[in-house]
N, C-alpha and C. Protein backbone atom coordinates (compact mmCIF):
# COMPACT_ATOMS: atom_id res chain seq x y z
N MET A 1 -10.27 -3.52 32.39
CA MET A 1 -10.25 -3.80 30.96
C MET A 1 -9.75 -2.56 30.22
N ILE A 2 -8.84 -2.76 29.31
CA ILE A 2 -8.31 -1.66 28.49
C ILE A 2 -9.20 -1.49 27.27
N VAL A 3 -9.65 -0.28 27.05
CA VAL A 3 -10.46 0.02 25.87
C VAL A 3 -9.63 0.90 24.95
N ARG A 4 -9.39 0.39 23.75
CA ARG A 4 -8.63 1.14 22.76
C ARG A 4 -9.55 1.54 21.62
N GLU A 5 -9.30 2.71 21.10
CA GLU A 5 -10.03 3.12 19.91
C GLU A 5 -9.40 2.44 18.71
N GLU A 6 -10.24 1.87 17.87
CA GLU A 6 -9.74 1.22 16.67
C GLU A 6 -9.07 2.24 15.77
N ALA A 7 -7.93 1.88 15.22
CA ALA A 7 -7.17 2.78 14.36
C ALA A 7 -7.57 2.57 12.90
N PHE A 8 -7.03 3.41 12.05
CA PHE A 8 -7.30 3.37 10.61
C PHE A 8 -6.17 2.66 9.87
N ALA A 9 -6.48 2.30 8.63
CA ALA A 9 -5.46 1.75 7.73
C ALA A 9 -5.54 2.48 6.40
N VAL A 10 -4.39 2.71 5.81
CA VAL A 10 -4.28 3.31 4.48
C VAL A 10 -3.54 2.31 3.61
N TRP A 11 -4.19 1.84 2.54
CA TRP A 11 -3.52 0.93 1.61
C TRP A 11 -3.08 1.75 0.40
N ILE A 12 -1.78 1.81 0.19
CA ILE A 12 -1.21 2.52 -0.96
C ILE A 12 -0.87 1.48 -2.01
N THR A 13 -1.56 1.55 -3.13
CA THR A 13 -1.39 0.58 -4.20
C THR A 13 -0.98 1.29 -5.49
N GLY A 14 -0.38 0.54 -6.39
CA GLY A 14 0.04 1.05 -7.69
C GLY A 14 1.05 0.07 -8.27
N LEU A 15 1.42 0.31 -9.49
CA LEU A 15 2.42 -0.54 -10.14
C LEU A 15 3.75 -0.48 -9.39
N PRO A 16 4.58 -1.51 -9.55
CA PRO A 16 5.93 -1.42 -8.99
C PRO A 16 6.64 -0.17 -9.53
N ALA A 17 7.31 0.55 -8.66
CA ALA A 17 8.07 1.77 -8.98
C ALA A 17 7.19 2.97 -9.30
N SER A 18 5.91 2.91 -8.90
CA SER A 18 5.01 4.03 -9.16
C SER A 18 5.17 5.17 -8.16
N GLY A 19 5.78 4.87 -7.01
CA GLY A 19 5.96 5.88 -5.97
C GLY A 19 5.27 5.52 -4.66
N LYS A 20 4.84 4.27 -4.51
CA LYS A 20 4.14 3.85 -3.29
C LYS A 20 5.00 4.03 -2.05
N SER A 21 6.22 3.53 -2.08
CA SER A 21 7.10 3.59 -0.90
C SER A 21 7.45 5.03 -0.54
N THR A 22 7.65 5.85 -1.55
CA THR A 22 7.95 7.26 -1.31
C THR A 22 6.78 7.94 -0.63
N LEU A 23 5.56 7.65 -1.11
CA LEU A 23 4.37 8.21 -0.49
C LEU A 23 4.18 7.65 0.92
N ALA A 24 4.40 6.36 1.10
CA ALA A 24 4.26 5.76 2.43
C ALA A 24 5.19 6.44 3.43
N GLY A 25 6.41 6.70 3.02
CA GLY A 25 7.36 7.40 3.89
C GLY A 25 6.91 8.81 4.21
N ALA A 26 6.44 9.53 3.20
CA ALA A 26 5.96 10.90 3.41
C ALA A 26 4.74 10.91 4.33
N LEU A 27 3.85 9.95 4.16
CA LEU A 27 2.66 9.87 5.00
C LEU A 27 3.05 9.53 6.44
N ALA A 28 3.97 8.59 6.62
CA ALA A 28 4.41 8.22 7.97
C ALA A 28 5.03 9.43 8.67
N ARG A 29 5.82 10.21 7.94
CA ARG A 29 6.43 11.42 8.53
C ARG A 29 5.37 12.46 8.88
N ALA A 30 4.39 12.64 8.00
CA ALA A 30 3.32 13.61 8.25
C ALA A 30 2.49 13.19 9.46
N LEU A 31 2.20 11.92 9.58
CA LEU A 31 1.48 11.44 10.76
C LEU A 31 2.34 11.60 12.01
N GLY A 32 3.63 11.30 11.89
CA GLY A 32 4.55 11.46 13.01
C GLY A 32 4.58 12.89 13.52
N ALA A 33 4.50 13.84 12.60
CA ALA A 33 4.49 15.25 12.99
C ALA A 33 3.24 15.60 13.79
N LEU A 34 2.20 14.77 13.65
CA LEU A 34 0.97 14.96 14.42
C LEU A 34 0.97 14.12 15.70
N GLY A 35 2.09 13.45 15.96
CA GLY A 35 2.20 12.60 17.14
C GLY A 35 1.58 11.22 16.95
N ILE A 36 1.40 10.80 15.70
CA ILE A 36 0.80 9.50 15.40
C ILE A 36 1.87 8.59 14.83
N ASP A 37 2.13 7.49 15.53
CA ASP A 37 3.15 6.53 15.11
C ASP A 37 2.46 5.39 14.36
N ALA A 38 2.49 5.44 13.05
CA ALA A 38 1.85 4.42 12.22
C ALA A 38 2.84 3.31 11.89
N ALA A 39 2.33 2.10 11.81
CA ALA A 39 3.13 0.96 11.37
C ALA A 39 3.07 0.90 9.85
N VAL A 40 4.22 0.91 9.20
CA VAL A 40 4.26 0.79 7.75
C VAL A 40 4.51 -0.69 7.43
N LEU A 41 3.53 -1.32 6.79
CA LEU A 41 3.65 -2.72 6.39
C LEU A 41 4.10 -2.74 4.94
N GLU A 42 5.39 -2.89 4.75
CA GLU A 42 6.02 -2.81 3.43
C GLU A 42 6.10 -4.23 2.87
N SER A 43 5.46 -4.45 1.74
CA SER A 43 5.32 -5.80 1.21
C SER A 43 6.65 -6.49 0.94
N ASP A 44 7.63 -5.79 0.39
CA ASP A 44 8.91 -6.45 0.09
C ASP A 44 9.58 -6.98 1.35
N ALA A 45 9.53 -6.22 2.43
CA ALA A 45 10.15 -6.65 3.69
C ALA A 45 9.38 -7.82 4.30
N LEU A 46 8.05 -7.75 4.30
CA LEU A 46 7.26 -8.81 4.92
C LEU A 46 7.22 -10.07 4.08
N ARG A 47 7.34 -9.93 2.76
CA ARG A 47 7.36 -11.12 1.91
C ARG A 47 8.53 -12.04 2.28
N LYS A 48 9.65 -11.45 2.67
CA LYS A 48 10.82 -12.24 3.06
C LYS A 48 10.53 -13.09 4.29
N ILE A 49 9.58 -12.66 5.11
CA ILE A 49 9.20 -13.40 6.32
C ILE A 49 8.06 -14.38 6.02
N PHE A 50 7.01 -13.89 5.37
CA PHE A 50 5.83 -14.72 5.12
C PHE A 50 6.07 -15.79 4.05
N THR A 51 6.82 -15.42 3.01
CA THR A 51 7.09 -16.35 1.90
C THR A 51 8.56 -16.22 1.51
N PRO A 52 9.46 -16.84 2.29
CA PRO A 52 10.89 -16.62 2.07
C PRO A 52 11.41 -17.08 0.69
N ASN A 53 10.71 -17.97 0.03
CA ASN A 53 11.09 -18.40 -1.32
C ASN A 53 9.92 -18.12 -2.26
N PRO A 54 9.68 -16.84 -2.55
CA PRO A 54 8.47 -16.47 -3.29
C PRO A 54 8.44 -17.01 -4.72
N ARG A 55 7.23 -17.43 -5.11
CA ARG A 55 6.98 -17.87 -6.48
C ARG A 55 6.23 -16.79 -7.25
N TYR A 56 5.55 -15.90 -6.52
CA TYR A 56 4.75 -14.82 -7.10
C TYR A 56 3.61 -15.33 -7.97
N ASP A 57 3.15 -16.58 -7.73
CA ASP A 57 1.99 -17.07 -8.46
C ASP A 57 0.72 -16.63 -7.72
N GLU A 58 -0.43 -16.87 -8.33
CA GLU A 58 -1.70 -16.40 -7.75
C GLU A 58 -1.95 -17.00 -6.37
N GLU A 59 -1.68 -18.28 -6.19
CA GLU A 59 -1.92 -18.93 -4.90
C GLU A 59 -1.07 -18.29 -3.80
N GLU A 60 0.20 -18.12 -4.09
CA GLU A 60 1.08 -17.52 -3.09
C GLU A 60 0.70 -16.07 -2.82
N ARG A 61 0.38 -15.32 -3.86
CA ARG A 61 -0.03 -13.93 -3.65
C ARG A 61 -1.28 -13.86 -2.79
N ASP A 62 -2.22 -14.76 -3.02
CA ASP A 62 -3.44 -14.77 -2.22
C ASP A 62 -3.11 -15.01 -0.74
N ILE A 63 -2.25 -15.96 -0.47
CA ILE A 63 -1.84 -16.26 0.91
C ILE A 63 -1.10 -15.06 1.50
N PHE A 64 -0.18 -14.49 0.75
CA PHE A 64 0.61 -13.37 1.25
C PHE A 64 -0.28 -12.17 1.59
N TYR A 65 -1.17 -11.78 0.67
CA TYR A 65 -2.00 -10.60 0.92
C TYR A 65 -3.06 -10.87 2.00
N ALA A 66 -3.50 -12.11 2.14
CA ALA A 66 -4.39 -12.45 3.25
C ALA A 66 -3.65 -12.28 4.57
N SER A 67 -2.40 -12.71 4.61
CA SER A 67 -1.58 -12.56 5.82
C SER A 67 -1.34 -11.09 6.13
N LEU A 68 -1.04 -10.31 5.10
CA LEU A 68 -0.80 -8.88 5.27
C LEU A 68 -2.06 -8.19 5.82
N ALA A 69 -3.21 -8.51 5.25
CA ALA A 69 -4.47 -7.93 5.71
C ALA A 69 -4.74 -8.34 7.16
N HIS A 70 -4.44 -9.57 7.50
CA HIS A 70 -4.66 -10.06 8.87
C HIS A 70 -3.80 -9.28 9.86
N VAL A 71 -2.53 -9.09 9.55
CA VAL A 71 -1.65 -8.33 10.43
C VAL A 71 -2.16 -6.90 10.57
N GLY A 72 -2.57 -6.29 9.45
CA GLY A 72 -3.12 -4.95 9.51
C GLY A 72 -4.37 -4.87 10.37
N ARG A 73 -5.22 -5.87 10.25
CA ARG A 73 -6.44 -5.91 11.08
C ARG A 73 -6.08 -6.02 12.56
N LEU A 74 -5.14 -6.89 12.91
CA LEU A 74 -4.73 -7.02 14.31
C LEU A 74 -4.20 -5.71 14.86
N LEU A 75 -3.35 -5.06 14.09
CA LEU A 75 -2.77 -3.80 14.55
C LEU A 75 -3.83 -2.73 14.74
N THR A 76 -4.70 -2.56 13.76
CA THR A 76 -5.72 -1.51 13.88
C THR A 76 -6.67 -1.80 15.04
N ARG A 77 -6.99 -3.06 15.27
CA ARG A 77 -7.86 -3.41 16.41
C ARG A 77 -7.22 -3.01 17.73
N HIS A 78 -5.90 -2.99 17.77
CA HIS A 78 -5.17 -2.62 18.98
C HIS A 78 -4.74 -1.16 18.99
N GLY A 79 -5.35 -0.37 18.12
CA GLY A 79 -5.12 1.08 18.15
C GLY A 79 -3.90 1.57 17.40
N VAL A 80 -3.28 0.70 16.59
CA VAL A 80 -2.08 1.09 15.84
C VAL A 80 -2.48 1.42 14.40
N PRO A 81 -2.31 2.66 13.97
CA PRO A 81 -2.58 2.99 12.56
C PRO A 81 -1.62 2.24 11.65
N VAL A 82 -2.12 1.87 10.48
CA VAL A 82 -1.34 1.05 9.54
C VAL A 82 -1.29 1.73 8.18
N ILE A 83 -0.11 1.70 7.58
CA ILE A 83 0.07 2.11 6.19
C ILE A 83 0.54 0.87 5.44
N PHE A 84 -0.28 0.36 4.53
CA PHE A 84 0.12 -0.75 3.67
C PHE A 84 0.85 -0.16 2.46
N ASP A 85 2.07 -0.60 2.24
CA ASP A 85 2.85 -0.21 1.07
C ASP A 85 2.99 -1.47 0.23
N ALA A 86 1.98 -1.71 -0.63
CA ALA A 86 1.93 -2.99 -1.33
C ALA A 86 1.16 -2.88 -2.63
N THR A 87 1.73 -3.41 -3.70
CA THR A 87 1.08 -3.38 -5.00
C THR A 87 -0.28 -4.04 -4.95
N ALA A 88 -0.35 -5.26 -4.43
CA ALA A 88 -1.61 -6.02 -4.38
C ALA A 88 -2.33 -5.90 -5.72
N ASN A 89 -1.82 -6.61 -6.70
CA ASN A 89 -2.26 -6.42 -8.08
C ASN A 89 -3.72 -6.76 -8.35
N ARG A 90 -4.36 -7.52 -7.48
CA ARG A 90 -5.78 -7.84 -7.64
C ARG A 90 -6.62 -7.02 -6.66
N ARG A 91 -7.73 -6.51 -7.14
CA ARG A 91 -8.64 -5.76 -6.26
C ARG A 91 -9.07 -6.61 -5.08
N ALA A 92 -9.27 -7.91 -5.32
CA ALA A 92 -9.74 -8.80 -4.25
C ALA A 92 -8.80 -8.78 -3.05
N TYR A 93 -7.50 -8.65 -3.28
CA TYR A 93 -6.54 -8.61 -2.16
C TYR A 93 -6.80 -7.37 -1.30
N ARG A 94 -6.98 -6.24 -1.94
CA ARG A 94 -7.20 -5.00 -1.20
C ARG A 94 -8.60 -4.96 -0.58
N ASP A 95 -9.57 -5.52 -1.30
CA ASP A 95 -10.94 -5.57 -0.78
C ASP A 95 -11.03 -6.42 0.47
N ARG A 96 -10.22 -7.47 0.55
CA ARG A 96 -10.19 -8.31 1.75
C ARG A 96 -9.82 -7.45 2.96
N ALA A 97 -8.81 -6.60 2.80
CA ALA A 97 -8.40 -5.72 3.91
C ALA A 97 -9.49 -4.70 4.18
N ARG A 98 -10.07 -4.13 3.14
CA ARG A 98 -11.14 -3.13 3.32
C ARG A 98 -12.30 -3.73 4.12
N ASN A 99 -12.66 -4.96 3.82
CA ASN A 99 -13.77 -5.61 4.50
C ASN A 99 -13.44 -5.97 5.95
N ALA A 100 -12.16 -6.17 6.24
CA ALA A 100 -11.75 -6.57 7.59
C ALA A 100 -11.45 -5.38 8.50
N ILE A 101 -11.14 -4.23 7.91
CA ILE A 101 -10.71 -3.07 8.70
C ILE A 101 -11.74 -1.96 8.51
N PRO A 102 -12.50 -1.65 9.57
CA PRO A 102 -13.58 -0.66 9.43
C PRO A 102 -13.13 0.73 8.97
N LYS A 103 -11.99 1.19 9.45
CA LYS A 103 -11.50 2.54 9.09
C LYS A 103 -10.41 2.36 8.04
N PHE A 104 -10.82 2.35 6.78
CA PHE A 104 -9.93 1.98 5.68
C PHE A 104 -9.97 3.03 4.59
N VAL A 105 -8.79 3.37 4.07
CA VAL A 105 -8.67 4.30 2.96
C VAL A 105 -7.74 3.68 1.93
N GLU A 106 -8.17 3.68 0.68
CA GLU A 106 -7.34 3.16 -0.40
C GLU A 106 -6.81 4.33 -1.23
N VAL A 107 -5.50 4.31 -1.44
CA VAL A 107 -4.83 5.34 -2.22
C VAL A 107 -4.21 4.67 -3.44
N HIS A 108 -4.59 5.14 -4.62
CA HIS A 108 -4.01 4.61 -5.85
C HIS A 108 -2.95 5.57 -6.37
N VAL A 109 -1.74 5.07 -6.48
CA VAL A 109 -0.65 5.86 -7.06
C VAL A 109 -0.60 5.51 -8.55
N ALA A 110 -1.21 6.35 -9.35
CA ALA A 110 -1.24 6.15 -10.80
C ALA A 110 0.05 6.69 -11.40
N CYS A 111 0.66 5.88 -12.24
CA CYS A 111 1.91 6.28 -12.88
C CYS A 111 2.03 5.48 -14.16
N PRO A 112 2.35 6.13 -15.27
CA PRO A 112 2.50 5.39 -16.52
C PRO A 112 3.56 4.29 -16.40
N LEU A 113 3.28 3.15 -17.00
CA LEU A 113 4.20 2.03 -16.96
C LEU A 113 5.59 2.43 -17.45
N ALA A 114 5.66 3.25 -18.49
CA ALA A 114 6.97 3.67 -19.03
C ALA A 114 7.79 4.42 -17.97
N VAL A 115 7.12 5.22 -17.15
CA VAL A 115 7.83 5.95 -16.08
C VAL A 115 8.30 4.95 -15.03
N CYS A 116 7.43 4.00 -14.66
CA CYS A 116 7.82 2.98 -13.67
C CYS A 116 9.04 2.20 -14.16
N ILE A 117 9.01 1.82 -15.44
CA ILE A 117 10.14 1.07 -16.01
C ILE A 117 11.41 1.90 -15.99
N SER A 118 11.29 3.20 -16.27
CA SER A 118 12.49 4.05 -16.29
C SER A 118 13.05 4.25 -14.89
N ARG A 119 12.21 4.19 -13.86
CA ARG A 119 12.69 4.34 -12.47
C ARG A 119 13.35 3.04 -12.01
N ASP A 120 12.59 1.98 -11.97
CA ASP A 120 13.02 0.61 -11.64
C ASP A 120 14.07 0.53 -10.53
N PRO A 121 13.80 1.08 -9.34
CA PRO A 121 14.83 1.11 -8.29
C PRO A 121 15.24 -0.27 -7.79
N LYS A 122 14.36 -1.25 -7.89
CA LYS A 122 14.67 -2.60 -7.39
C LYS A 122 15.07 -3.55 -8.51
N GLY A 123 15.07 -3.05 -9.75
CA GLY A 123 15.50 -3.87 -10.88
C GLY A 123 14.49 -4.90 -11.34
N ILE A 124 13.25 -4.77 -10.89
CA ILE A 124 12.24 -5.77 -11.24
C ILE A 124 11.94 -5.80 -12.74
N TYR A 125 11.87 -4.62 -13.36
CA TYR A 125 11.58 -4.57 -14.80
C TYR A 125 12.79 -5.05 -15.61
N ARG A 126 14.01 -4.74 -15.13
CA ARG A 126 15.21 -5.26 -15.82
C ARG A 126 15.24 -6.79 -15.77
N ARG A 127 14.92 -7.35 -14.59
CA ARG A 127 14.89 -8.81 -14.47
C ARG A 127 13.83 -9.40 -15.39
N ALA A 128 12.69 -8.74 -15.50
CA ALA A 128 11.62 -9.22 -16.38
C ALA A 128 12.07 -9.19 -17.83
N SER A 129 12.77 -8.14 -18.23
CA SER A 129 13.22 -8.03 -19.63
C SER A 129 14.26 -9.11 -19.97
N ARG A 130 14.97 -9.61 -18.94
CA ARG A 130 15.96 -10.68 -19.15
C ARG A 130 15.34 -12.07 -18.96
N GLY A 131 14.04 -12.11 -18.68
CA GLY A 131 13.37 -13.39 -18.47
C GLY A 131 13.59 -13.97 -17.09
N GLU A 132 14.07 -13.17 -16.15
CA GLU A 132 14.36 -13.65 -14.79
C GLU A 132 13.20 -13.40 -13.83
N ALA A 133 12.21 -12.64 -14.24
CA ALA A 133 11.01 -12.38 -13.45
C ALA A 133 9.82 -12.53 -14.38
N ALA A 134 8.98 -13.53 -14.11
CA ALA A 134 7.92 -13.87 -15.06
C ALA A 134 6.53 -13.40 -14.63
N ARG A 135 6.41 -12.78 -13.47
CA ARG A 135 5.07 -12.42 -12.98
C ARG A 135 5.04 -10.99 -12.43
N VAL A 136 5.49 -10.05 -13.23
CA VAL A 136 5.55 -8.66 -12.79
C VAL A 136 4.21 -7.98 -13.11
N PRO A 137 3.54 -7.42 -12.07
CA PRO A 137 2.28 -6.73 -12.33
C PRO A 137 2.48 -5.58 -13.32
N GLY A 138 1.57 -5.52 -14.28
CA GLY A 138 1.64 -4.49 -15.31
C GLY A 138 2.35 -4.98 -16.56
N LEU A 139 3.12 -6.06 -16.42
CA LEU A 139 3.81 -6.65 -17.58
C LEU A 139 3.20 -8.01 -17.90
N GLN A 140 3.60 -9.03 -17.13
CA GLN A 140 3.14 -10.39 -17.42
C GLN A 140 1.86 -10.77 -16.69
N VAL A 141 1.52 -10.06 -15.62
CA VAL A 141 0.25 -10.30 -14.93
C VAL A 141 -0.48 -8.97 -14.82
N ASP A 142 -1.80 -9.08 -14.78
CA ASP A 142 -2.62 -7.86 -14.72
C ASP A 142 -2.44 -7.13 -13.40
N TYR A 143 -2.54 -5.81 -13.48
CA TYR A 143 -2.69 -4.98 -12.30
C TYR A 143 -4.08 -4.38 -12.40
N GLU A 144 -4.91 -4.62 -11.40
CA GLU A 144 -6.27 -4.11 -11.39
C GLU A 144 -6.31 -2.85 -10.52
N PRO A 145 -6.33 -1.68 -11.14
CA PRO A 145 -6.40 -0.46 -10.32
C PRO A 145 -7.72 -0.40 -9.57
N PRO A 146 -7.75 0.30 -8.46
CA PRO A 146 -9.00 0.43 -7.72
C PRO A 146 -10.07 1.10 -8.58
N LEU A 147 -11.30 0.66 -8.39
CA LEU A 147 -12.41 1.27 -9.12
C LEU A 147 -12.82 2.59 -8.48
N HIS A 148 -12.77 2.66 -7.15
CA HIS A 148 -13.21 3.85 -6.42
C HIS A 148 -12.29 4.14 -5.24
N PRO A 149 -11.03 4.45 -5.52
CA PRO A 149 -10.14 4.75 -4.38
C PRO A 149 -10.56 6.06 -3.72
N GLU A 150 -10.29 6.15 -2.44
CA GLU A 150 -10.59 7.41 -1.75
C GLU A 150 -9.69 8.53 -2.27
N ILE A 151 -8.47 8.17 -2.68
CA ILE A 151 -7.53 9.18 -3.20
C ILE A 151 -6.81 8.60 -4.42
N GLU A 152 -6.65 9.43 -5.42
CA GLU A 152 -5.86 9.10 -6.61
C GLU A 152 -4.67 10.06 -6.62
N VAL A 153 -3.48 9.50 -6.64
CA VAL A 153 -2.24 10.28 -6.65
C VAL A 153 -1.56 10.05 -7.99
N ARG A 154 -0.99 11.11 -8.55
CA ARG A 154 -0.19 10.96 -9.78
C ARG A 154 1.27 10.80 -9.38
N GLY A 155 1.73 9.56 -9.37
CA GLY A 155 3.09 9.26 -8.93
C GLY A 155 4.17 9.82 -9.83
N ASP A 156 3.80 10.21 -11.05
CA ASP A 156 4.80 10.75 -11.98
C ASP A 156 4.96 12.25 -11.87
N VAL A 157 3.99 12.95 -11.27
CA VAL A 157 4.08 14.41 -11.23
C VAL A 157 3.77 15.04 -9.87
N GLU A 158 3.05 14.36 -9.01
CA GLU A 158 2.64 14.97 -7.74
C GLU A 158 3.72 14.79 -6.66
N PRO A 159 4.14 15.86 -6.03
CA PRO A 159 5.13 15.73 -4.96
C PRO A 159 4.58 14.87 -3.81
N PRO A 160 5.39 13.96 -3.27
CA PRO A 160 4.92 13.05 -2.22
C PRO A 160 4.37 13.77 -0.98
N ASP A 161 4.99 14.88 -0.58
CA ASP A 161 4.50 15.59 0.60
C ASP A 161 3.11 16.18 0.36
N GLU A 162 2.87 16.64 -0.87
CA GLU A 162 1.55 17.16 -1.22
C GLU A 162 0.52 16.03 -1.21
N ALA A 163 0.89 14.89 -1.76
CA ALA A 163 -0.01 13.73 -1.77
C ALA A 163 -0.30 13.28 -0.33
N ALA A 164 0.72 13.28 0.53
CA ALA A 164 0.53 12.90 1.93
C ALA A 164 -0.46 13.86 2.62
N ARG A 165 -0.36 15.15 2.31
CA ARG A 165 -1.31 16.12 2.89
C ARG A 165 -2.74 15.81 2.44
N ARG A 166 -2.90 15.37 1.19
CA ARG A 166 -4.24 15.02 0.71
C ARG A 166 -4.77 13.78 1.42
N VAL A 167 -3.87 12.83 1.70
CA VAL A 167 -4.30 11.63 2.44
C VAL A 167 -4.72 12.03 3.86
N LEU A 168 -3.93 12.89 4.50
CA LEU A 168 -4.31 13.37 5.84
C LEU A 168 -5.68 14.05 5.81
N ALA A 169 -5.93 14.85 4.78
CA ALA A 169 -7.22 15.53 4.66
C ALA A 169 -8.36 14.51 4.52
N ALA A 170 -8.13 13.45 3.76
CA ALA A 170 -9.15 12.41 3.60
C ALA A 170 -9.39 11.70 4.93
N LEU A 171 -8.32 11.43 5.67
CA LEU A 171 -8.47 10.79 6.98
C LEU A 171 -9.28 11.68 7.93
N ARG A 172 -9.03 12.99 7.86
CA ARG A 172 -9.81 13.93 8.69
C ARG A 172 -11.27 13.97 8.25
N ASP A 173 -11.48 14.04 6.92
CA ASP A 173 -12.85 14.10 6.39
C ASP A 173 -13.67 12.88 6.82
N LYS A 174 -13.03 11.74 6.91
CA LYS A 174 -13.72 10.51 7.31
C LYS A 174 -13.88 10.41 8.83
N GLY A 175 -13.24 11.32 9.55
CA GLY A 175 -13.30 11.28 11.01
C GLY A 175 -12.30 10.34 11.65
N TYR A 176 -11.32 9.88 10.87
CA TYR A 176 -10.30 8.96 11.40
C TYR A 176 -9.18 9.70 12.12
N LEU A 177 -9.03 10.98 11.80
CA LEU A 177 -8.07 11.86 12.48
C LEU A 177 -8.85 13.01 13.07
N LYS A 178 -8.42 13.45 14.20
CA LYS A 178 -9.06 14.60 14.82
C LYS A 178 -8.70 15.86 14.03
N PRO A 179 -9.67 16.78 13.83
CA PRO A 179 -9.36 18.03 13.11
C PRO A 179 -8.31 18.85 13.86
N ARG A 180 -7.50 19.58 13.10
CA ARG A 180 -6.48 20.44 13.72
C ARG A 180 -6.96 21.85 13.75
């Protein structure tokens, strides 16, 4: 029988264009430098598979984030560390993953909406302003920031590599990473 140590998961949440993907990449590289190959579950990429014709309504979001949490749980149970790169605008979506994954860290990338709108790398805010996107978190639907995230990152001013180092420190403090 193969015995694997359960891995950890880090859920990076924040408004669209707050810096989640940038932080996820920096964290994956920092873990890689430690010899840890984490799976990055990027919501935009997985949404194309789980919900190929997205409506972005509450029912679909609930199904999507339940699926994302389930995949993360399967991976961590098999010893694969997971980085969730996903807005998950409702706390309940992230709490579902927290409750399913014993070694869980939530990172909130706080960034003013005006900064997110000015970045807009995927054009989501431009589409919303033209009436082509009706359910953008922070605009037409609520974004519920975490009440007690393990880490709060300032996506508008904190360098991603520095934020990734703080996430690594939190993982070490919790005993999810071996001390160096």
